[in-house]
N, C-alpha and C. Protein backbone atom coordinates (compact mmCIF):
# COMPACT_ATOMS: atom_id res chain seq x y z
N HIS A 1 0.65 -0.94 -0.17
CA HIS A 1 0.27 -0.08 0.40
C HIS A 1 0.92 1.22 -0.07
N SER A 2 0.20 2.60 -0.58
CA SER A 2 0.95 3.95 -0.76
C SER A 2 0.29 4.36 0.78
N TRP A 3 1.36 5.09 1.29
CA TRP A 3 0.64 6.14 2.58
C TRP A 3 1.41 7.50 2.72
N TYR A 4 0.65 8.42 2.78
CA TYR A 4 1.31 9.45 2.86
C TYR A 4 1.19 9.95 4.68
N GLU A 5 2.12 10.43 4.68
CA GLU A 5 2.87 10.74 5.71
C GLU A 5 2.21 12.21 6.38
N HIS A 6 0.36 13.13 6.90
CA HIS A 6 0.10 14.04 6.80
C HIS A 6 1.55 14.47 8.31
N THR A 7 1.57 14.09 9.04
CA THR A 7 2.48 14.17 10.38
C THR A 7 2.79 13.00 10.73
N PRO A 8 4.25 13.09 11.86
CA PRO A 8 4.22 11.20 11.82
C PRO A 8 3.52 10.28 12.10
N PHE A 9 2.64 10.99 13.34
CA PHE A 9 1.39 10.16 13.42
C PHE A 9 0.54 10.12 13.19
N ILE A 10 -0.32 10.63 11.90
CA ILE A 10 -1.30 11.01 11.35
C ILE A 10 -1.26 10.25 9.89
N TRP A 11 -1.42 9.50 8.95
CA TRP A 11 -0.87 8.66 8.19
C TRP A 11 -2.28 8.10 7.16
N GLU A 12 -2.12 8.72 5.92
CA GLU A 12 -3.53 8.43 5.21
C GLU A 12 -2.90 7.05 4.14
N TYR A 13 -3.52 6.34 3.69
CA TYR A 13 -3.73 4.90 2.95
C TYR A 13 -4.01 4.96 1.77
N ASP A 14 -3.74 5.14 0.79
CA ASP A 14 -4.73 5.44 -0.31
C ASP A 14 -4.98 4.05 -1.15
N SER A 15 -6.08 3.68 -1.41
CA SER A 15 -6.63 3.10 -2.25
C SER A 15 -6.01 1.62 -1.49
N VAL A 16 -6.88 1.81 0.03
CA VAL A 16 -6.70 0.96 0.59
C VAL A 16 -7.30 -0.79 -0.13
N VAL A 17 -8.35 -0.53 -0.81
CA VAL A 17 -10.31 -1.26 -1.12
C VAL A 17 -10.23 -0.57 -2.20
N SER A 18 -10.69 -1.12 -3.67
CA SER A 18 -11.27 -0.98 -4.71
C SER A 18 -12.82 -0.45 -4.15
N ASN A 19 -12.77 0.69 -5.47
CA ASN A 19 -14.68 1.20 -5.13
C ASN A 19 -15.29 -0.03 -4.92
N GLU A 20 -14.42 -0.90 -5.82
CA GLU A 20 -16.18 -2.08 -5.82
C GLU A 20 -16.05 -2.61 -4.45
N THR A 21 -14.82 -2.44 -4.16
CA THR A 21 -15.10 -3.67 -2.19
C THR A 21 -16.00 -2.71 -1.08
N CYS A 22 -15.50 -0.86 -1.34
CA CYS A 22 -16.46 0.01 -1.01
C CYS A 22 -17.76 -0.27 -1.07
N ASN A 23 -17.93 -0.20 -2.55
CA ASN A 23 -19.57 -0.08 -2.60
C ASN A 23 -19.71 -2.22 -2.27
N THR A 24 -19.51 -2.70 -1.86
CA THR A 24 -19.62 -4.60 -1.76
C THR A 24 -20.32 -3.79 0.68
N ILE A 25 -19.58 -3.65 0.75
CA ILE A 25 -19.18 -3.23 2.09
C ILE A 25 -20.58 -2.59 2.36
N LEU A 26 -20.55 -1.57 1.63
CA LEU A 26 -21.64 -0.58 2.39
C LEU A 26 -23.29 -0.98 1.67
N SER A 27 -23.49 -1.79 0.60
CA SER A 27 -24.17 -3.06 -0.19
C SER A 27 -24.81 -4.07 1.14
N LEU A 28 -23.62 -4.16 2.17
CA LEU A 28 -23.89 -5.64 2.96
C LEU A 28 -24.64 -5.01 3.83
N ILE A 29 -24.15 -3.65 4.00
CA ILE A 29 -24.41 -3.14 6.15
C ILE A 29 -25.93 -2.89 5.72
N GLN A 30 -26.17 -2.53 4.44
CA GLN A 30 -27.96 -1.25 3.89
C GLN A 30 -29.06 -2.49 3.36
N GLN A 31 -28.31 -3.16 2.80
CA GLN A 31 -29.55 -4.48 2.49
C GLN A 31 -29.86 -5.59 4.01
N SER A 32 -28.79 -5.39 4.95
CA SER A 32 -28.74 -5.85 6.08
C SER A 32 -30.96 -5.82 6.98
N SER A 33 -31.20 -6.65 7.21
CA SER A 33 -33.16 -6.18 7.89
C SER A 33 -32.53 -5.85 9.01
N LEU A 34 -31.41 -5.12 9.47
CA LEU A 34 -31.07 -4.33 10.53
C LEU A 34 -31.20 -3.11 10.45
N HIS A 35 -30.34 -3.44 9.69
CA HIS A 35 -30.54 -1.56 8.67
C HIS A 35 -31.00 -0.31 9.39
N ASP A 36 -32.16 -0.30 9.27
CA ASP A 36 -32.83 0.84 9.64
C ASP A 36 -32.79 0.87 10.95
N GLU A 37 -33.37 -0.53 11.75
CA GLU A 37 -33.85 -0.25 12.79
C GLU A 37 -32.99 0.32 13.82
N TYR A 38 -31.50 -0.37 13.31
CA TYR A 38 -30.02 0.05 14.19
C TYR A 38 -30.09 2.08 14.08
N LEU A 39 -29.71 1.87 13.17
CA LEU A 39 -29.66 3.76 12.55
C LEU A 39 -30.71 4.19 13.42
N THR A 40 -31.71 3.96 13.58
CA THR A 40 -32.63 4.32 14.37
C THR A 40 -32.74 4.49 15.77
N LYS A 41 -32.29 3.28 15.97
CA LYS A 41 -32.43 3.28 17.20
C LYS A 41 -30.87 3.40 18.50
N ASN A 42 -29.96 4.17 17.30
CA ASN A 42 -28.32 4.24 17.57
C ASN A 42 -28.23 5.26 17.21
N THR A 43 -28.73 6.21 17.18
CA THR A 43 -28.10 7.75 16.69
C THR A 43 -27.50 8.42 17.49
N GLU A 44 -28.20 8.17 18.89
CA GLU A 44 -27.11 8.67 20.47
C GLU A 44 -26.70 10.83 19.67
N ARG A 45 -27.28 11.22 19.43
CA ARG A 45 -27.24 12.18 18.57
C ARG A 45 -27.05 13.34 19.81
N SER A 46 -25.86 14.44 19.75
CA SER A 46 -25.34 15.51 20.91
C SER A 46 -25.11 16.46 19.96
N LYS A 47 -24.72 17.46 20.45
CA LYS A 47 -24.23 18.40 20.36
C LYS A 47 -23.11 18.38 20.35
N VAL A 48 -21.65 17.84 20.39
CA VAL A 48 -21.30 17.07 18.98
C VAL A 48 -20.86 16.19 18.57
N ARG A 49 -21.89 15.27 18.17
CA ARG A 49 -21.43 13.90 17.80
C ARG A 49 -23.24 13.87 16.95
N ASN A 50 -23.08 14.71 15.39
CA ASN A 50 -24.55 14.06 14.85
C ASN A 50 -24.48 13.85 13.18
N ASN A 51 -24.54 13.32 14.64
CA ASN A 51 -24.68 11.61 12.49
C ASN A 51 -24.91 10.22 13.33
N SER A 52 -24.85 9.56 12.81
CA SER A 52 -25.97 8.48 13.57
C SER A 52 -24.56 7.39 12.74
N CYS A 53 -24.97 5.94 13.61
CA CYS A 53 -24.39 4.83 13.49
C CYS A 53 -24.58 3.13 13.62
N ILE A 54 -24.17 2.57 13.04
CA ILE A 54 -24.57 0.45 14.15
C ILE A 54 -23.51 0.50 13.83
N ASN A 55 -22.94 -0.55 15.10
CA ASN A 55 -21.43 -1.25 15.48
C ASN A 55 -22.20 -2.38 15.01
N VAL A 56 -21.13 -2.14 13.68
CA VAL A 56 -21.51 -4.37 12.01
C VAL A 56 -21.36 -4.98 13.47
N SER A 57 -20.14 -4.26 14.14
CA SER A 57 -19.58 -6.14 15.44
C SER A 57 -20.54 -6.02 15.86
N GLN A 58 -20.94 -5.96 16.72
CA GLN A 58 -21.66 -5.96 18.11
C GLN A 58 -22.56 -6.73 17.39
N VAL A 59 -23.65 -6.21 15.61
CA VAL A 59 -24.86 -6.92 15.30
C VAL A 59 -24.77 -8.75 15.10
N SER A 60 -23.55 -9.10 15.08
CA SER A 60 -22.71 -9.56 13.41
C SER A 60 -23.44 -11.52 13.26
N LYS A 61 -24.20 -11.17 15.13
CA LYS A 61 -24.31 -12.31 15.34
C LYS A 61 -25.85 -12.46 15.00
N TYR A 62 -26.63 -11.19 14.44
CA TYR A 62 -27.81 -11.58 14.42
C TYR A 62 -27.76 -11.60 13.05
N ASP A 63 -27.57 -11.28 12.08
CA ASP A 63 -27.92 -11.46 10.40
C ASP A 63 -26.10 -11.75 10.00
N HIS A 64 -26.32 -12.66 8.08
CA HIS A 64 -25.82 -12.86 7.93
C HIS A 64 -24.93 -11.56 6.96
N HIS A 65 -25.94 -10.58 6.45
CA HIS A 65 -25.02 -9.39 5.65
C HIS A 65 -24.15 -9.01 6.46
N MET A 66 -24.52 -8.77 8.00
CA MET A 66 -23.41 -8.02 8.98
C MET A 66 -22.36 -8.84 9.08
N MET A 67 -22.51 -10.01 9.33
CA MET A 67 -20.91 -10.57 9.11
C MET A 67 -20.60 -11.02 8.37
N CYS A 68 -21.06 -11.40 7.74
CA CYS A 68 -20.05 -10.35 5.80
C CYS A 68 -19.01 -9.96 6.39
N ALA A 69 -19.62 -8.71 6.10
CA ALA A 69 -18.93 -7.24 5.99
C ALA A 69 -18.38 -6.41 8.03
N ASP A 70 -18.38 -7.57 8.61
CA ASP A 70 -17.66 -7.87 10.11
C ASP A 70 -16.45 -8.27 9.64
N ARG A 71 -16.00 -9.46 8.46
CA ARG A 71 -14.94 -10.43 8.90
C ARG A 71 -14.52 -9.63 7.48
N THR A 72 -15.43 -8.74 6.13
CA THR A 72 -14.44 -8.20 5.44
C THR A 72 -13.85 -7.34 5.68
N LEU A 73 -14.95 -5.62 6.38
CA LEU A 73 -13.11 -5.20 7.23
C LEU A 73 -12.29 -5.64 8.52
N HIS A 74 -12.07 -6.70 9.37
CA HIS A 74 -11.42 -7.22 10.21
C HIS A 74 -10.18 -7.51 9.27
N SER A 75 -10.12 -7.98 8.49
CA SER A 75 -9.01 -8.07 7.15
C SER A 75 -8.73 -7.55 6.61
N ILE A 76 -8.80 -6.46 6.23
CA ILE A 76 -8.30 -5.05 5.76
C ILE A 76 -7.71 -4.00 6.73
N PHE A 77 -9.10 -3.40 7.82
CA PHE A 77 -8.50 -3.32 9.49
C PHE A 77 -7.43 -3.71 9.58
N SER A 78 -6.79 -5.27 9.65
CA SER A 78 -5.54 -5.83 10.31
C SER A 78 -4.57 -5.58 10.03
N GLU A 79 -4.72 -5.50 8.17
CA GLU A 79 -3.74 -5.59 7.95
C GLU A 79 -3.29 -3.87 7.72
N ILE A 80 -3.65 -3.11 7.73
CA ILE A 80 -3.51 -1.74 7.58
C ILE A 80 -2.63 -1.31 9.10
N HIS A 81 -3.72 -1.42 9.79
CA HIS A 81 -3.05 -1.29 12.08
C HIS A 81 -1.24 -2.19 11.68
N ALA A 82 -1.45 -3.99 11.31
CA ALA A 82 0.31 -3.98 11.22
C ALA A 82 1.20 -3.24 10.83
N HIS A 83 0.34 -3.02 9.40
CA HIS A 83 1.63 -2.45 8.54
C HIS A 83 1.96 -0.44 9.54
N TYR A 84 0.87 -0.18 9.47
CA TYR A 84 1.11 0.73 10.58
C TYR A 84 2.29 1.58 11.83
N VAL A 85 1.41 -0.04 12.37
CA VAL A 85 2.54 0.19 13.93
C VAL A 85 4.02 0.04 13.57
N LEU A 86 4.33 -1.11 11.96
CA LEU A 86 5.24 -1.77 12.44
C LEU A 86 6.36 -0.81 11.79
N ASN A 87 5.65 0.15 10.75
CA ASN A 87 6.63 0.55 9.85
C ASN A 87 6.46 2.63 10.13
N ASN A 88 5.96 2.76 11.69
CA ASN A 88 6.31 3.80 12.27
C ASN A 88 7.11 3.66 12.62
N LYS A 89 8.28 4.07 13.51
CA LYS A 89 9.80 4.06 13.66
C LYS A 89 9.47 4.58 15.45
N ARG A 90 8.70 5.38 15.61
CA ARG A 90 8.28 6.03 16.51
C ARG A 90 6.77 4.73 17.23
N TYR A 91 6.09 4.41 16.66
CA TYR A 91 5.67 2.84 17.53
C TYR A 91 6.37 1.81 17.32
N PHE A 92 7.45 1.31 16.51
CA PHE A 92 8.47 0.43 16.55
C PHE A 92 9.56 0.11 18.18
N THR A 93 10.25 1.74 18.32
CA THR A 93 10.72 1.27 19.85
C THR A 93 10.10 1.61 20.67
N LEU A 94 8.44 1.04 20.70
CA LEU A 94 7.68 0.67 23.02
C LEU A 94 7.97 -0.06 21.99
N LYS A 95 7.10 -1.45 23.56
CA LYS A 95 7.60 -2.72 22.98
C LYS A 95 6.09 -2.60 22.02
N ASN A 96 6.38 -2.85 20.52
CA ASN A 96 5.86 -2.94 19.54
C ASN A 96 4.88 -4.56 20.13
N ALA A 97 5.78 -5.53 20.18
CA ALA A 97 4.39 -6.94 19.97
C ALA A 97 3.57 -6.67 20.71
N GLN A 98 3.16 -6.08 22.20
CA GLN A 98 2.54 -5.77 22.97
C GLN A 98 1.38 -4.79 22.28
N TYR A 99 1.57 -3.44 21.14
CA TYR A 99 0.61 -3.18 21.03
C TYR A 99 0.18 -3.76 19.11
N LEU A 100 0.73 -4.21 18.97
CA LEU A 100 0.45 -4.73 17.00
C LEU A 100 -0.22 -6.00 17.67
N TYR A 101 0.23 -7.58 19.28
CA TYR A 101 -0.61 -8.12 19.60
C TYR A 101 -2.24 -8.71 19.54
N THR A 102 -1.80 -7.81 20.68
CA THR A 102 -2.80 -7.29 22.03
C THR A 102 -3.39 -6.30 21.65
N THR A 103 -4.10 -6.39 20.31
CA THR A 103 -5.36 -5.58 20.93
C THR A 103 -6.64 -5.87 20.04
N SER A 104 -7.77 -4.72 20.33
CA SER A 104 -9.06 -5.40 19.97
C SER A 104 -9.96 -4.68 19.12
N CYS A 105 -10.72 -4.83 18.41
CA CYS A 105 -11.62 -3.26 18.31
C CYS A 105 -13.31 -4.33 17.75
N SER A 106 -13.99 -3.50 17.50
CA SER A 106 -14.51 -3.93 16.80
C SER A 106 -15.32 -2.76 15.75
N TYR A 107 -16.05 -2.80 14.48
CA TYR A 107 -16.36 -2.42 13.57
C TYR A 107 -17.48 -0.91 13.62
N THR A 108 -17.71 0.28 12.87
CA THR A 108 -19.10 0.92 13.23
C THR A 108 -18.86 1.76 11.96
N TYR A 109 -19.95 1.01 11.64
CA TYR A 109 -20.45 2.12 10.44
C TYR A 109 -20.95 3.40 10.50
N ARG A 110 -20.26 4.81 10.09
CA ARG A 110 -20.94 5.35 10.44
C ARG A 110 -22.16 6.37 9.60
N THR A 111 -23.12 7.51 9.58
CA THR A 111 -23.86 7.97 8.16
C THR A 111 -24.53 9.62 8.23
N TYR A 112 -23.35 9.87 7.07
CA TYR A 112 -23.29 11.33 7.74
C TYR A 112 -24.80 11.89 5.92
N ASP A 113 -25.37 11.73 6.86
CA ASP A 113 -26.81 13.05 6.03
C ASP A 113 -26.07 14.50 5.89
N LYS A 114 -27.12 15.32 4.32
CA LYS A 114 -26.87 16.85 4.93
C LYS A 114 -26.82 17.40 6.20
N ASN A 115 -26.41 17.82 6.60
CA ASN A 115 -26.44 19.09 7.97
C ASN A 115 -25.88 18.26 8.87
N ASP A 116 -25.13 16.86 8.97
CA ASP A 116 -24.82 16.63 9.61
C ASP A 116 -23.04 16.74 9.63
N TYR A 117 -22.73 16.58 11.00
CA TYR A 117 -21.37 16.92 11.25
C TYR A 117 -20.88 15.66 12.61
N TYR A 118 -19.56 16.22 13.00
CA TYR A 118 -18.52 15.63 14.04
C TYR A 118 -18.03 16.39 15.18
N ASP A 119 -18.09 17.37 15.67
CA ASP A 119 -17.50 18.28 16.12
C ASP A 119 -16.83 17.90 16.71
N TRP A 120 -15.14 19.07 17.49
CA TRP A 120 -13.96 18.77 17.64
C TRP A 120 -14.02 17.43 19.09
N HIS A 121 -13.12 16.19 18.89
CA HIS A 121 -13.26 15.14 19.86
C HIS A 121 -12.38 15.30 19.51
N ILE A 122 -11.62 14.14 20.83
CA ILE A 122 -11.12 12.92 20.53
C ILE A 122 -11.84 11.42 21.04
N ASP A 123 -11.04 10.40 20.34
CA ASP A 123 -11.75 8.96 20.56
C ASP A 123 -11.12 8.44 21.71
N SER A 124 -11.89 8.06 23.06
CA SER A 124 -12.01 7.82 24.00
C SER A 124 -13.06 6.21 24.65
N SER A 125 -12.38 6.35 25.25
CA SER A 125 -13.28 5.06 26.25
C SER A 125 -13.79 6.16 27.40
N ASP A 126 -14.56 5.12 28.55
CA ASP A 126 -14.56 5.08 29.50
C ASP A 126 -14.65 3.58 30.13
N HIS A 127 -14.31 2.71 29.05
CA HIS A 127 -14.04 1.72 29.46
C HIS A 127 -12.70 0.22 29.11
N ALA A 128 -12.00 1.49 27.80
CA ALA A 128 -11.34 0.49 27.29
C ALA A 128 -10.12 1.57 27.28
N HIS A 129 -8.94 0.77 27.19
CA HIS A 129 -7.41 1.88 26.76
C HIS A 129 -7.13 2.14 25.43
N LEU A 130 -8.02 3.45 24.56
CA LEU A 130 -7.90 3.12 22.85
C LEU A 130 -6.30 3.59 22.27
N LEU A 131 -5.70 2.85 21.63
CA LEU A 131 -4.83 2.46 20.97
C LEU A 131 -4.75 3.81 19.92
N PHE A 132 -5.44 2.91 19.18
CA PHE A 132 -5.47 4.08 17.83
C PHE A 132 -6.15 3.88 16.88
N SER A 133 -6.78 5.08 16.58
CA SER A 133 -7.86 4.66 15.35
C SER A 133 -7.74 5.23 13.45
N TYR A 134 -8.79 4.98 13.21
CA TYR A 134 -8.69 4.21 12.22
C TYR A 134 -10.64 4.77 11.02
N ILE A 135 -10.00 5.14 10.10
CA ILE A 135 -10.96 5.47 10.01
C ILE A 135 -11.16 5.39 7.69
N LEU A 136 -12.17 4.09 7.53
CA LEU A 136 -12.08 4.29 6.45
C LEU A 136 -13.34 4.44 5.33
N TYR A 137 -13.20 5.57 4.31
CA TYR A 137 -13.81 6.61 3.88
C TYR A 137 -14.67 5.48 2.83
N LEU A 138 -15.93 5.30 2.61
CA LEU A 138 -16.72 3.82 1.68
C LEU A 138 -16.72 5.53 0.35
N ASN A 139 -17.12 6.23 0.59
CA ASN A 139 -17.30 7.64 -1.02
C ASN A 139 -16.41 8.63 -0.11
N ASP A 140 -17.18 8.84 -1.69
CA ASP A 140 -17.02 10.57 -1.64
C ASP A 140 -16.82 11.77 -2.96
N ASP A 141 -18.35 11.01 -2.53
CA ASP A 141 -19.48 11.49 -3.97
C ASP A 141 -20.75 12.93 -2.96
N PHE A 142 -19.44 13.19 -2.09
CA PHE A 142 -19.73 14.68 -1.60
C PHE A 142 -19.54 15.47 -1.04
N SER A 143 -20.18 16.84 -0.54
CA SER A 143 -19.49 18.06 -0.32
C SER A 143 -19.47 17.88 0.71
N GLY A 144 -18.44 19.33 2.29
CA GLY A 144 -18.22 18.85 3.25
C GLY A 144 -17.66 17.77 3.82
N GLY A 145 -17.58 17.85 4.99
CA GLY A 145 -17.32 16.66 5.82
C GLY A 145 -15.75 15.96 5.46
N ASP A 146 -15.53 17.35 5.57
CA ASP A 146 -13.71 16.33 5.70
C ASP A 146 -13.24 16.70 6.69
N THR A 147 -12.06 16.18 7.09
CA THR A 147 -11.60 15.98 8.27
C THR A 147 -10.73 15.99 9.27
N LEU A 148 -10.30 17.42 10.37
CA LEU A 148 -9.74 18.36 10.67
C LEU A 148 -9.20 17.89 11.61
N PHE A 149 -8.19 18.13 11.37
CA PHE A 149 -6.93 18.36 13.76
C PHE A 149 -6.59 19.51 13.75
N LEU A 150 -7.15 19.48 15.13
CA LEU A 150 -7.27 20.68 15.69
C LEU A 150 -5.67 21.64 15.40
N ASN A 151 -4.49 20.59 15.93
CA ASN A 151 -3.64 20.95 16.71
C ASN A 151 -2.67 21.34 16.18
N GLN A 152 -2.41 20.35 14.72
CA GLN A 152 -1.47 20.92 13.91
C GLN A 152 -2.38 21.11 12.16
N LYS A 153 -3.88 21.86 12.62
CA LYS A 153 -4.40 22.73 11.72
C LYS A 153 -4.21 21.66 10.20
N LEU A 154 -4.34 20.40 10.42
CA LEU A 154 -4.86 19.82 8.83
C LEU A 154 -6.10 19.85 8.80
N ARG A 155 -6.15 19.16 7.51
CA ARG A 155 -7.41 19.54 6.80
C ARG A 155 -7.15 18.44 5.47
N VAL A 156 -8.08 16.95 5.79
CA VAL A 156 -7.96 15.61 5.17
C VAL A 156 -9.22 15.40 4.43
N LYS A 157 -9.32 15.38 3.12
CA LYS A 157 -10.42 15.26 2.24
C LYS A 157 -10.93 13.54 1.76
N PRO A 158 -11.72 13.89 2.29
CA PRO A 158 -12.45 11.98 2.26
C PRO A 158 -11.72 11.80 0.71
N LYS A 159 -11.40 10.84 0.55
CA LYS A 159 -11.82 9.94 -0.40
C LYS A 159 -11.57 8.27 -1.15
N LYS A 160 -12.58 7.97 -1.68
CA LYS A 160 -13.54 6.92 -1.55
C LYS A 160 -11.50 5.65 -1.44
N GLY A 161 -11.88 4.41 -0.36
CA GLY A 161 -11.49 4.04 -0.46
C GLY A 161 -9.51 4.21 0.53
N SER A 162 -9.78 5.03 0.48
CA SER A 162 -7.94 5.34 1.51
C SER A 162 -9.01 5.00 3.34
N MET A 163 -7.50 5.15 4.19
CA MET A 163 -8.19 5.26 5.68
C MET A 163 -6.85 6.10 6.38
N LEU A 164 -7.86 6.63 6.87
CA LEU A 164 -6.77 7.59 7.78
C LEU A 164 -6.74 6.89 9.57
N CYS A 165 -4.88 6.82 9.56
CA CYS A 165 -5.01 6.13 10.98
C CYS A 165 -3.97 7.63 11.38
N PHE A 166 -4.38 7.43 12.82
CA PHE A 166 -3.81 8.52 14.24
C PHE A 166 -4.53 7.38 15.55
N PRO A 167 -3.18 8.14 16.11
CA PRO A 167 -3.07 7.85 17.85
C PRO A 167 -4.50 7.99 17.69
N CYS A 168 -4.09 7.47 19.31
CA CYS A 168 -5.93 8.84 20.14
C CYS A 168 -4.74 9.17 21.78
N ASP A 169 -4.97 10.26 20.99
CA ASP A 169 -4.48 10.99 22.82
C ASP A 169 -5.05 12.00 21.87
N MET A 170 -4.70 13.45 23.34
CA MET A 170 -5.22 14.57 23.45
C MET A 170 -5.02 15.49 21.79
N GLN A 171 -3.57 15.36 21.29
CA GLN A 171 -3.10 15.64 20.64
C GLN A 171 -3.64 15.58 18.82
N THR A 172 -4.37 14.56 18.95
CA THR A 172 -5.15 14.60 18.20
C THR A 172 -6.58 14.93 18.48
N VAL A 173 -6.88 16.14 18.31
CA VAL A 173 -8.22 16.44 18.31
C VAL A 173 -8.59 16.73 17.05
N HIS A 174 -9.97 16.48 16.73
CA HIS A 174 -10.42 16.37 14.95
C HIS A 174 -12.17 16.23 15.04
N LYS A 175 -12.39 16.96 13.63
CA LYS A 175 -13.48 16.69 13.46
C LYS A 175 -13.63 16.71 12.66
N SER A 176 -15.50 16.31 11.58
CA SER A 176 -16.00 15.96 10.25
C SER A 176 -16.91 16.96 10.25
N THR A 177 -15.82 17.95 9.66
CA THR A 177 -16.51 19.91 8.86
C THR A 177 -18.92 19.19 8.47
N VAL A 178 -19.50 20.15 8.63
CA VAL A 178 -20.58 20.16 7.92
C VAL A 178 -20.77 18.88 6.31
N ILE A 179 -22.08 18.19 6.31
CA ILE A 179 -22.10 17.27 5.15
C ILE A 179 -23.25 18.52 4.36
N LYS A 180 -22.66 19.21 3.78
CA LYS A 180 -23.30 20.50 2.56
C LYS A 180 -24.45 19.93 2.11
N GLU A 181 -23.74 18.99 0.57
CA GLU A 181 -24.30 18.21 0.20
C GLU A 181 -24.14 16.74 0.16
N GLY A 182 -25.38 15.74 -0.60
CA GLY A 182 -25.15 14.06 -0.29
C GLY A 182 -25.11 13.86 1.08
N LYS A 183 -24.21 12.87 1.46
CA LYS A 183 -24.03 11.53 2.24
C LYS A 183 -22.90 10.92 2.78
N LYS A 184 -22.42 11.53 3.61
CA LYS A 184 -20.62 10.31 3.94
C LYS A 184 -21.08 8.99 5.19
N ASN A 185 -20.43 8.18 4.12
CA ASN A 185 -20.51 6.97 5.12
C ASN A 185 -18.88 6.49 4.64
N ILE A 186 -18.71 6.18 6.31
CA ILE A 186 -17.67 5.48 7.12
C ILE A 186 -16.82 4.20 7.17
N ILE A 187 -16.54 4.39 7.74
CA ILE A 187 -15.88 2.84 9.02
C ILE A 187 -15.24 3.38 10.07
N TRP A 188 -15.74 3.09 11.20
CA TRP A 188 -14.27 3.87 12.31
C TRP A 188 -14.30 2.51 13.23
N THR A 189 -12.56 2.66 13.35
CA THR A 189 -12.72 2.13 14.14
C THR A 189 -11.67 2.29 15.13
N CYS A 190 -10.93 1.80 16.87
CA CYS A 190 -10.24 2.42 17.39
C CYS A 190 -10.06 0.87 17.51
N MET A 191 -8.16 0.85 18.05
CA MET A 191 -7.80 -0.79 18.15
C MET A 191 -7.67 -0.22 20.04
N GLU A 192 -7.64 -1.23 20.68
CA GLU A 192 -7.78 -1.36 22.18
C GLU A 192 -6.96 -1.79 22.40
N TYR A 193 -6.13 -1.54 23.71
CA TYR A 193 -5.46 -2.61 24.42
C TYR A 193 -5.75 -3.52 25.58
N HIS A 194 -5.85 -4.81 24.57
CA HIS A 194 -6.02 -5.86 25.79
C HIS A 194 -4.93 -6.62 25.80
N ALA A 195 -4.38 -6.30 27.35
CA ALA A 195 -3.64 -7.59 28.09
C ALA A 195 -4.27 -9.05 27.71
N LYS A 196 -3.46 -9.36 27.69
CA LYS A 196 -3.68 -11.46 27.51
C LYS A 196 -3.78 -11.47 28.62
């Protein structure tokens, strides 16, 4: 895979998956009998997070389409995670085996309609030690919806099939700008430390 280092820690991988694979993932999720029900139930909108989501991994045991999407996503994200950690010398100097092999995650489909956004935040959890965050852009036929990083004064324009990688810490405060036209679809996950 080719990648671009926006900063020493914020990397973007181009063409992680083909347009066809993006369409397949999106189709599997949208064809699921759980799609409408869970999107409505799990909106949990707030002033910060104004978009809708489904945890694909959590519902995969109830639906074949979601299970197929989850397996496909696991293969894609695992490969990029391994590359990102092992090729970033700043991580490799850490106990790389711990960071690479003792992680777990679940995959969230996040969809933004017109006027939706995600305001400034860091990826964190009260229940887990989050290490790295990953965003796979499933489409780019919309306007708005850029990913901004506050401290770095960085703007990343979504590209279908590309993946953004960055650590979960106070240095990576980020947001998704308002969708002006169209609909933005992403898969997001955080790799979390999982003690053996």
